[in-house]
Protein backbone atom coordinates (compact mmCIF):
# COMPACT_ATOMS: atom_id res chain seq x y z
CA MET A 1 -9.93 -3.56 -6.31
CA THR A 2 -7.61 -1.68 -3.94
CA ASP A 3 -4.07 -1.33 -5.29
CA ASP A 4 -1.56 0.31 -2.97
CA ARG A 5 0.55 1.38 -5.92
CA LEU A 6 -1.91 4.29 -6.06
CA ILE A 7 -1.25 6.94 -3.43
CA VAL A 8 -3.91 9.65 -3.24
CA ALA A 9 -2.69 13.06 -2.12
CA LEU A 10 -4.99 14.58 0.49
CA ASP A 11 -4.22 18.14 -0.58
CA VAL A 12 -7.25 19.57 1.20
CA PRO A 13 -7.33 22.39 3.79
CA ASN A 14 -7.49 20.44 7.04
CA ALA A 15 -7.86 17.09 8.77
CA VAL A 16 -11.65 17.26 8.84
CA ALA A 17 -11.79 17.65 5.05
CA GLY A 18 -9.21 14.88 4.72
CA LEU A 19 -11.29 12.45 6.76
CA GLU A 20 -14.41 13.35 4.81
CA LEU A 21 -12.60 12.71 1.51
CA ALA A 22 -11.18 9.40 2.73
CA ALA A 23 -14.67 8.35 3.81
CA ARG A 24 -16.07 9.17 0.35
CA ILE A 25 -13.32 7.13 -1.30
CA GLY A 26 -13.74 4.24 1.14
CA ASP A 27 -11.95 0.99 0.39
CA ALA A 28 -11.00 2.06 -3.15
CA VAL A 29 -7.73 3.52 -1.80
CA SER A 30 -5.41 2.09 0.83
CA PHE A 31 -2.53 4.60 0.68
CA TYR A 32 -2.67 8.37 1.28
CA LYS A 33 -0.16 11.21 1.06
CA ILE A 34 -0.28 14.04 3.57
CA GLY A 35 1.86 17.02 2.64
CA LEU A 36 3.39 20.10 4.18
CA GLY A 37 0.36 22.24 3.32
CA MET A 38 -1.77 20.14 5.67
CA LEU A 39 0.69 20.29 8.57
CA THR A 40 -0.93 23.26 10.32
CA GLY A 41 -4.39 21.88 9.55
CA GLY A 42 -3.98 18.78 11.69
CA GLY A 43 -1.95 16.73 9.23
CA LEU A 44 -0.16 14.58 11.80
CA ALA A 45 -3.40 13.87 13.63
CA LEU A 46 -5.00 12.91 10.32
CA ALA A 47 -2.07 10.63 9.48
CA ASN A 48 -2.35 8.90 12.84
CA GLU A 49 -6.12 8.45 12.62
CA LEU A 50 -6.02 7.06 9.07
CA LYS A 51 -3.20 4.70 10.04
CA GLN A 52 -4.38 3.50 13.42
CA ASP A 53 -8.17 3.62 13.08
CA HIS A 54 -8.67 2.93 9.37
CA GLY A 55 -5.69 0.73 8.50
CA LYS A 56 -4.41 3.00 5.74
CA ARG A 57 -0.78 3.35 4.70
CA ILE A 58 0.59 6.88 5.03
CA PHE A 59 3.14 8.82 3.01
CA LEU A 60 4.21 11.96 4.90
CA ASP A 61 5.51 14.38 2.28
CA MET A 62 7.52 16.89 4.31
CA LYS A 63 10.56 17.24 2.00
CA LEU A 64 12.81 17.89 4.98
CA PHE A 65 15.93 19.95 4.40
CA ASP A 66 18.20 21.33 7.14
CA ILE A 67 21.44 20.59 8.92
CA GLY A 68 21.96 16.93 9.72
CA ALA A 69 21.19 17.12 13.43
CA THR A 70 17.86 18.87 12.82
CA VAL A 71 16.80 16.44 10.09
CA GLU A 72 17.72 13.49 12.30
CA ALA A 73 15.72 14.85 15.23
CA ALA A 74 12.70 15.67 13.08
CA THR A 75 12.74 12.23 11.47
CA ARG A 76 13.05 10.49 14.84
CA GLY A 77 10.01 12.41 16.06
CA LEU A 78 7.98 11.51 12.98
CA ALA A 79 9.03 7.86 13.07
CA GLN A 80 7.14 7.37 16.34
CA PHE A 81 3.84 7.69 14.44
CA ASP A 82 4.39 4.35 12.67
CA LEU A 83 4.06 5.87 9.20
CA ASP A 84 5.24 4.31 5.95
CA PHE A 85 7.07 6.89 3.79
CA LEU A 86 8.77 10.21 4.54
CA THR A 87 10.32 12.54 1.97
CA VAL A 88 13.52 14.49 2.40
CA HIS A 89 15.57 16.41 -0.13
CA GLY A 90 18.06 14.16 -1.85
CA ASP A 91 21.25 15.82 -0.65
CA PRO A 92 23.44 13.07 0.83
CA HIS A 93 23.87 14.70 4.26
CA VAL A 94 20.08 15.04 4.56
CA VAL A 95 19.44 11.43 3.53
CA ARG A 96 22.03 10.05 5.95
CA ALA A 97 20.59 12.08 8.82
CA ALA A 98 17.04 10.98 8.04
CA LYS A 99 18.06 7.32 7.88
CA GLU A 100 19.70 7.67 11.28
CA GLY A 101 16.55 9.26 12.67
CA ALA A 102 14.39 6.49 11.23
CA SER A 103 16.57 3.68 12.58
CA GLY A 104 14.64 1.10 14.56
CA SER A 105 11.39 1.87 12.70
CA ASP A 106 9.80 0.73 9.45
CA LEU A 107 9.70 4.27 8.07
CA LYS A 108 11.04 4.43 4.50
CA ILE A 109 13.08 7.49 3.55
CA LEU A 110 12.41 8.77 0.04
CA ALA A 111 14.75 11.31 -1.50
CA VAL A 112 13.53 14.10 -3.77
CA THR A 113 15.63 14.37 -6.92
CA ILE A 114 14.22 17.34 -8.86
CA LEU A 115 10.68 18.53 -8.11
CA THR A 116 8.27 17.57 -10.89
CA SER A 117 6.96 21.14 -10.99
CA LEU A 118 10.37 22.39 -12.20
CA ASP A 119 11.88 22.57 -15.67
CA ARG A 120 15.28 23.72 -16.93
CA SER A 121 14.36 27.40 -16.78
CA ASP A 122 13.46 26.99 -13.10
CA LEU A 123 16.80 25.32 -12.40
CA ASP A 124 18.57 28.21 -14.13
CA ALA A 125 16.71 30.69 -11.92
CA ASN A 126 17.76 28.65 -8.86
CA LEU A 127 21.42 28.64 -9.97
CA ILE A 128 21.43 24.84 -10.39
CA ARG A 129 24.29 23.71 -12.60
CA GLU A 130 23.87 23.33 -16.33
CA GLY A 131 22.78 20.03 -17.83
CA ASP A 132 19.69 18.16 -18.89
CA ILE A 133 17.20 17.42 -16.11
CA PRO A 134 17.38 13.63 -16.64
CA GLU A 135 21.15 13.72 -16.22
CA ILE A 136 20.90 15.71 -12.99
CA VAL A 137 18.08 13.50 -11.68
CA ALA A 138 20.14 10.36 -12.31
CA GLU A 139 23.16 11.80 -10.50
CA ARG A 140 21.07 12.87 -7.52
CA ALA A 141 19.35 9.49 -7.40
CA VAL A 142 22.68 7.65 -7.31
CA LYS A 143 24.00 9.90 -4.54
CA ALA A 144 20.79 9.45 -2.54
CA PHE A 145 20.92 5.66 -2.89
CA GLU A 146 24.57 5.66 -1.84
CA ALA A 147 23.59 7.69 1.24
CA GLY A 148 21.03 5.03 2.18
CA ALA A 149 17.74 6.25 0.71
CA ASP A 150 15.06 3.56 0.53
CA GLY A 151 13.77 5.16 -2.65
CA VAL A 152 13.44 8.34 -4.65
CA ILE A 153 10.78 10.73 -5.82
CA ALA A 154 11.09 11.34 -9.54
CA SER A 155 8.94 12.30 -12.48
CA PRO A 156 7.57 9.63 -14.82
CA ASN A 157 9.95 10.93 -17.49
CA GLU A 158 12.98 9.81 -15.51
CA ALA A 159 11.59 6.68 -13.86
CA ALA A 160 12.80 4.15 -16.44
CA MET A 161 16.26 5.67 -16.43
CA ILE A 162 16.45 5.44 -12.63
CA ARG A 163 15.09 1.89 -12.59
CA ALA A 164 17.95 0.89 -14.92
CA LEU A 165 20.62 2.17 -12.49
CA PRO A 166 22.51 -0.61 -10.68
CA GLU A 167 22.15 1.39 -7.46
CA ALA A 168 18.34 1.31 -7.82
CA GLU A 169 18.04 -2.43 -7.34
CA GLY A 170 15.63 -3.12 -4.49
CA ARG A 171 14.83 0.58 -4.06
CA LEU A 172 11.49 2.34 -4.48
CA ILE A 173 10.54 4.84 -7.16
CA VAL A 174 7.55 6.99 -6.25
CA THR A 175 6.16 9.24 -8.95
CA PRO A 176 4.08 12.39 -8.66
CA GLY A 177 3.12 14.27 -11.80
CA VAL A 178 0.72 11.52 -12.87
CA ARG A 179 -2.45 12.61 -14.65
CA PRO A 180 -5.14 10.52 -16.34
CA ALA A 181 -5.52 11.29 -20.04
CA GLY A 182 -7.30 14.62 -20.52
CA ALA A 183 -6.81 15.81 -16.93
CA ASP A 184 -5.62 19.32 -16.11
CA LEU A 185 -1.86 19.37 -15.53
CA GLY A 186 -2.11 21.89 -12.68
CA ASP A 187 1.36 22.91 -11.49
CA GLN A 188 3.08 19.83 -12.89
CA LYS A 189 5.39 20.13 -15.92
CA ARG A 190 6.83 16.61 -16.32
CA VAL A 191 3.86 14.24 -16.38
CA ALA A 192 2.61 10.86 -17.62
CA THR A 193 -0.57 8.81 -17.49
CA PRO A 194 -0.98 6.12 -14.79
CA ALA A 195 -0.40 3.28 -17.28
CA ASN A 196 2.72 4.89 -18.71
CA ALA A 197 4.11 5.58 -15.25
CA ILE A 198 3.64 1.97 -14.13
CA ALA A 199 5.09 0.76 -17.42
CA SER A 200 8.23 2.79 -16.79
CA GLY A 201 9.00 0.82 -13.64
CA VAL A 202 7.64 2.94 -10.79
CA ASP A 203 6.44 1.32 -7.57
CA HIS A 204 3.84 3.93 -6.60
CA ILE A 205 2.12 6.83 -8.35
CA VAL A 206 0.81 9.88 -6.50
CA VAL A 207 -2.41 11.48 -7.75
CA GLY A 208 -4.17 14.41 -6.11
CA ARG A 209 -6.43 16.82 -7.98
CA PRO A 210 -7.91 14.31 -10.46
CA VAL A 211 -9.29 12.44 -7.44
CA TRP A 212 -10.20 15.03 -4.85
CA ARG A 213 -11.63 17.49 -7.38
CA ALA A 214 -13.77 14.81 -9.01
CA THR A 215 -17.53 14.80 -8.50
CA ASN A 216 -17.15 11.17 -7.45
CA PRO A 217 -13.66 10.70 -5.91
CA ARG A 218 -14.19 6.98 -5.38
CA ALA A 219 -15.01 6.42 -9.04
CA ALA A 220 -12.04 8.55 -10.09
CA ALA A 221 -9.70 6.48 -7.91
CA LEU A 222 -11.10 3.21 -9.24
CA ALA A 223 -10.63 4.41 -12.82
CA ILE A 224 -6.96 5.12 -12.11
CA VAL A 225 -6.51 1.69 -10.55
CA ALA A 226 -8.12 0.11 -13.60
CA GLU A 227 -5.70 1.94 -15.87
CA MET A 228 -2.73 0.87 -13.72
CA GLN A 229 -3.86 -2.74 -14.09
CA SER A 230 -4.62 -2.46 -17.82
CA PRO A 231 -2.80 -4.44 -20.52
CA GLN A 232 -1.05 -1.24 -21.63
CA ALA A 233 0.70 -0.96 -18.28
CA VAL A 234 1.40 -4.67 -17.85
CA GLN A 235 2.63 -5.30 -21.39
CA ALA A 236 4.93 -2.31 -21.42
CA ASN A 237 6.33 -3.26 -18.04
CA ALA A 238 6.98 -6.88 -18.96
């Protein structure tokens, strides 16, 4: 019943815990996200082992942001690990540099629009220009696509709007902030259920706590897959 539209975030302390969790989940999940918090806990080694020894797809969520030359060099170094997705911030100069660094590999560059943990008050505190979040997300998505991004990271609330953009044709939409009905929202503010996210046109959903905090992570993952494949998701997405 594996469905690689589900990406499970291995937001655990270190590579040992990540391998243990992946073993408990088994063949219920084929795609894992390894984030910045795991980097000093053996994250790259974990990514390589899951990819090479266990045949899993890997999303490296580093959200790179720096001058172009540094982003290009960092991406080129990461591309040698034969991973699948890498996130960078959606500023055009960052996206262009990352695409240059990934050239010659199959690594997909995903641009962050607005973090799903942020709302308008957070943008005000960060001195981001006025405007509704969906409007800003759409503008950043267009600029990222024009700079060569293979896809974007966006909340479920903006996914349908991005999917409707002409520039989004053939591009990926990957959505964090997905929570099964009744799950704790954690630090996410713009969320949707798995079925609603799929129905809005996303290619992959990212789920962390509802899986790795579950008493039975495998069963939790399978329940999410079942919801993604439910009539509610398929009918709404038709």
